[in-house]
Amino acid sequence: QVQLVESGGGSVQAGGSLRLSCAASGSIFNGNTWGWYREAPGKQRDLVATISSGGTTVYVDSVKGRFTISRDNAKNTVYLQMNSLKPEDTAVYYCNAALANPIWYGGRWKYDFWGQGTQVTVSS
């Protein structure tokens, strides 16, 4: 079964750090672009960072210099190292794997997969 499993969320004080992980189930994710998104209460899900299969990274301005996205292709895993956390970083964080090629899954063509979400809470 195709799935992305997230871990590493939790509650920290402002200025603290967390590292999120998202592990994919198989080789269908080879060549994909990984993304981290977050959804704060009452807000839409927004992009935080992406990393391409070639290692090119993109960050939303609000996390530049504080967050680092990385990937371990041998482990089919993406990470988000979050330093200098701020209360406004509080959200549910979701990983996303955008496939290089779509697959037929669950009765439809799938172009990406989402993790289940992990809560990050930053207190002041």
Protein backbone atom coordinates (compact mmCIF):
# COMPACT_ATOMS: atom_id res chain seq x y z
CA GLN A 1 0.00 0.00 0.00
CA VAL A 2 1.29 3.44 -0.89
CA GLN A 3 1.63 5.65 2.14
CA LEU A 4 3.66 8.45 3.62
CA VAL A 5 4.25 8.31 7.36
CA GLU A 6 5.22 11.46 9.21
CA SER A 7 6.94 11.80 12.56
CA GLY A 8 8.81 14.32 14.66
CA GLY A 9 6.14 16.80 15.60
CA GLY A 10 5.65 18.05 19.11
CA SER A 11 5.51 21.04 21.39
CA VAL A 12 8.47 23.35 21.90
CA GLN A 13 9.27 26.77 23.27
CA ALA A 14 9.95 29.67 20.95
CA GLY A 15 13.53 29.49 19.74
CA GLY A 16 13.59 25.71 19.92
CA SER A 17 14.06 23.15 17.18
CA LEU A 18 12.29 20.15 15.74
CA ARG A 19 13.05 17.79 12.90
CA LEU A 20 10.17 16.34 10.95
CA SER A 21 10.49 13.15 8.94
CA CYS A 22 8.30 11.68 6.25
CA ALA A 23 8.97 8.16 5.00
CA ALA A 24 7.42 6.84 1.81
CA SER A 25 6.53 3.22 1.19
CA GLY A 26 8.30 2.42 -2.05
CA SER A 27 10.23 3.18 -5.18
CA ILE A 28 7.35 4.96 -6.92
CA PHE A 29 8.68 8.05 -5.16
CA ASN A 30 12.02 7.89 -6.92
CA GLY A 31 12.47 11.08 -8.91
CA ASN A 32 9.71 12.91 -7.10
CA THR A 33 9.62 16.41 -5.70
CA TRP A 34 9.10 16.48 -1.95
CA GLY A 35 7.20 19.26 -0.27
CA TRP A 36 6.32 20.32 3.23
CA TYR A 37 3.09 22.21 3.79
CA ARG A 38 1.44 23.53 6.90
CA GLU A 39 -2.09 24.31 7.94
CA ALA A 40 -2.69 26.63 10.87
CA PRO A 41 -6.10 26.74 12.57
CA GLY A 42 -8.61 28.54 10.38
CA LYS A 43 -6.18 28.89 7.50
CA GLN A 44 -5.56 27.07 4.26
CA ARG A 45 -2.73 24.65 3.69
CA ASP A 46 0.32 26.58 2.52
CA LEU A 47 3.65 25.57 1.05
CA VAL A 48 6.64 25.71 3.38
CA ALA A 49 9.45 24.17 1.33
CA THR A 50 10.15 21.87 -1.59
CA ILE A 51 13.12 19.85 -2.75
CA SER A 52 13.39 18.45 -6.24
CA SER A 53 14.87 15.11 -7.26
CA GLY A 54 18.04 17.02 -8.14
CA GLY A 55 18.23 18.71 -4.76
CA THR A 56 16.97 22.16 -5.68
CA THR A 57 15.19 23.74 -2.72
CA VAL A 58 12.51 26.39 -2.45
CA TYR A 59 11.32 28.02 0.77
CA VAL A 60 8.57 30.37 1.69
CA ASP A 61 10.07 33.67 2.78
CA SER A 62 8.90 33.36 6.37
CA VAL A 63 11.08 30.29 7.03
CA LYS A 64 14.20 31.13 5.02
CA GLY A 65 17.30 30.86 7.15
CA ARG A 66 15.47 28.88 9.82
CA PHE A 67 14.16 25.74 8.09
CA THR A 68 16.08 23.26 5.97
CA ILE A 69 14.49 20.63 3.77
CA SER A 70 16.55 17.59 2.82
CA ARG A 71 16.02 14.13 1.40
CA ASP A 72 17.53 10.68 1.67
CA ASN A 73 16.64 8.87 -1.52
CA ALA A 74 17.94 5.53 -0.27
CA LYS A 75 15.42 5.70 2.57
CA ASN A 76 12.62 7.35 0.56
CA THR A 77 12.51 9.96 3.27
CA VAL A 78 12.27 13.73 3.41
CA TYR A 79 13.16 15.84 6.43
CA LEU A 80 12.37 19.31 7.62
CA GLN A 81 14.81 20.71 10.15
CA MET A 82 13.12 23.60 11.91
CA ASN A 83 15.27 25.93 13.99
CA SER A 84 14.51 29.19 15.78
CA LEU A 85 10.86 28.26 15.90
CA LYS A 86 8.29 30.99 16.37
CA PRO A 87 4.70 30.81 17.63
CA GLU A 88 3.49 31.60 14.12
CA ASP A 89 5.04 28.32 12.98
CA THR A 90 2.35 26.48 14.94
CA ALA A 91 0.42 24.31 12.51
CA VAL A 92 -0.20 20.80 11.32
CA TYR A 93 2.63 19.96 8.94
CA TYR A 94 2.06 17.70 5.95
CA CYS A 95 4.56 16.13 3.61
CA ASN A 96 3.74 15.73 -0.05
CA ALA A 97 5.35 13.62 -2.73
CA ALA A 98 4.72 14.88 -6.25
CA LEU A 99 5.39 11.97 -8.57
CA ALA A 100 7.58 12.14 -11.62
CA ASN A 101 4.99 9.95 -13.36
CA PRO A 102 1.38 9.38 -12.31
CA ILE A 103 0.13 6.00 -11.18
CA TRP A 104 -3.31 4.38 -11.20
CA TYR A 105 -4.25 4.10 -7.56
CA GLY A 106 -7.55 3.86 -5.74
CA GLY A 107 -9.55 4.10 -8.94
CA ARG A 108 -7.94 7.25 -10.24
CA TRP A 109 -4.72 8.64 -11.56
CA LYS A 110 -2.55 9.95 -8.75
CA TYR A 111 0.00 12.69 -9.25
CA ASP A 112 0.93 13.14 -5.62
CA PHE A 113 0.50 11.67 -2.14
CA TRP A 114 0.10 13.29 1.25
CA GLY A 115 1.26 12.32 4.69
CA GLN A 116 -1.16 12.15 7.58
CA GLY A 117 0.02 15.37 9.19
CA THR A 118 1.95 16.01 12.37
CA GLN A 119 1.22 18.76 14.90
CA VAL A 120 3.87 21.35 15.65
CA THR A 121 3.12 23.69 18.53
CA VAL A 122 5.43 26.57 19.44
CA SER A 123 4.73 28.44 22.65
CA SER A 124 6.00 31.89 23.51
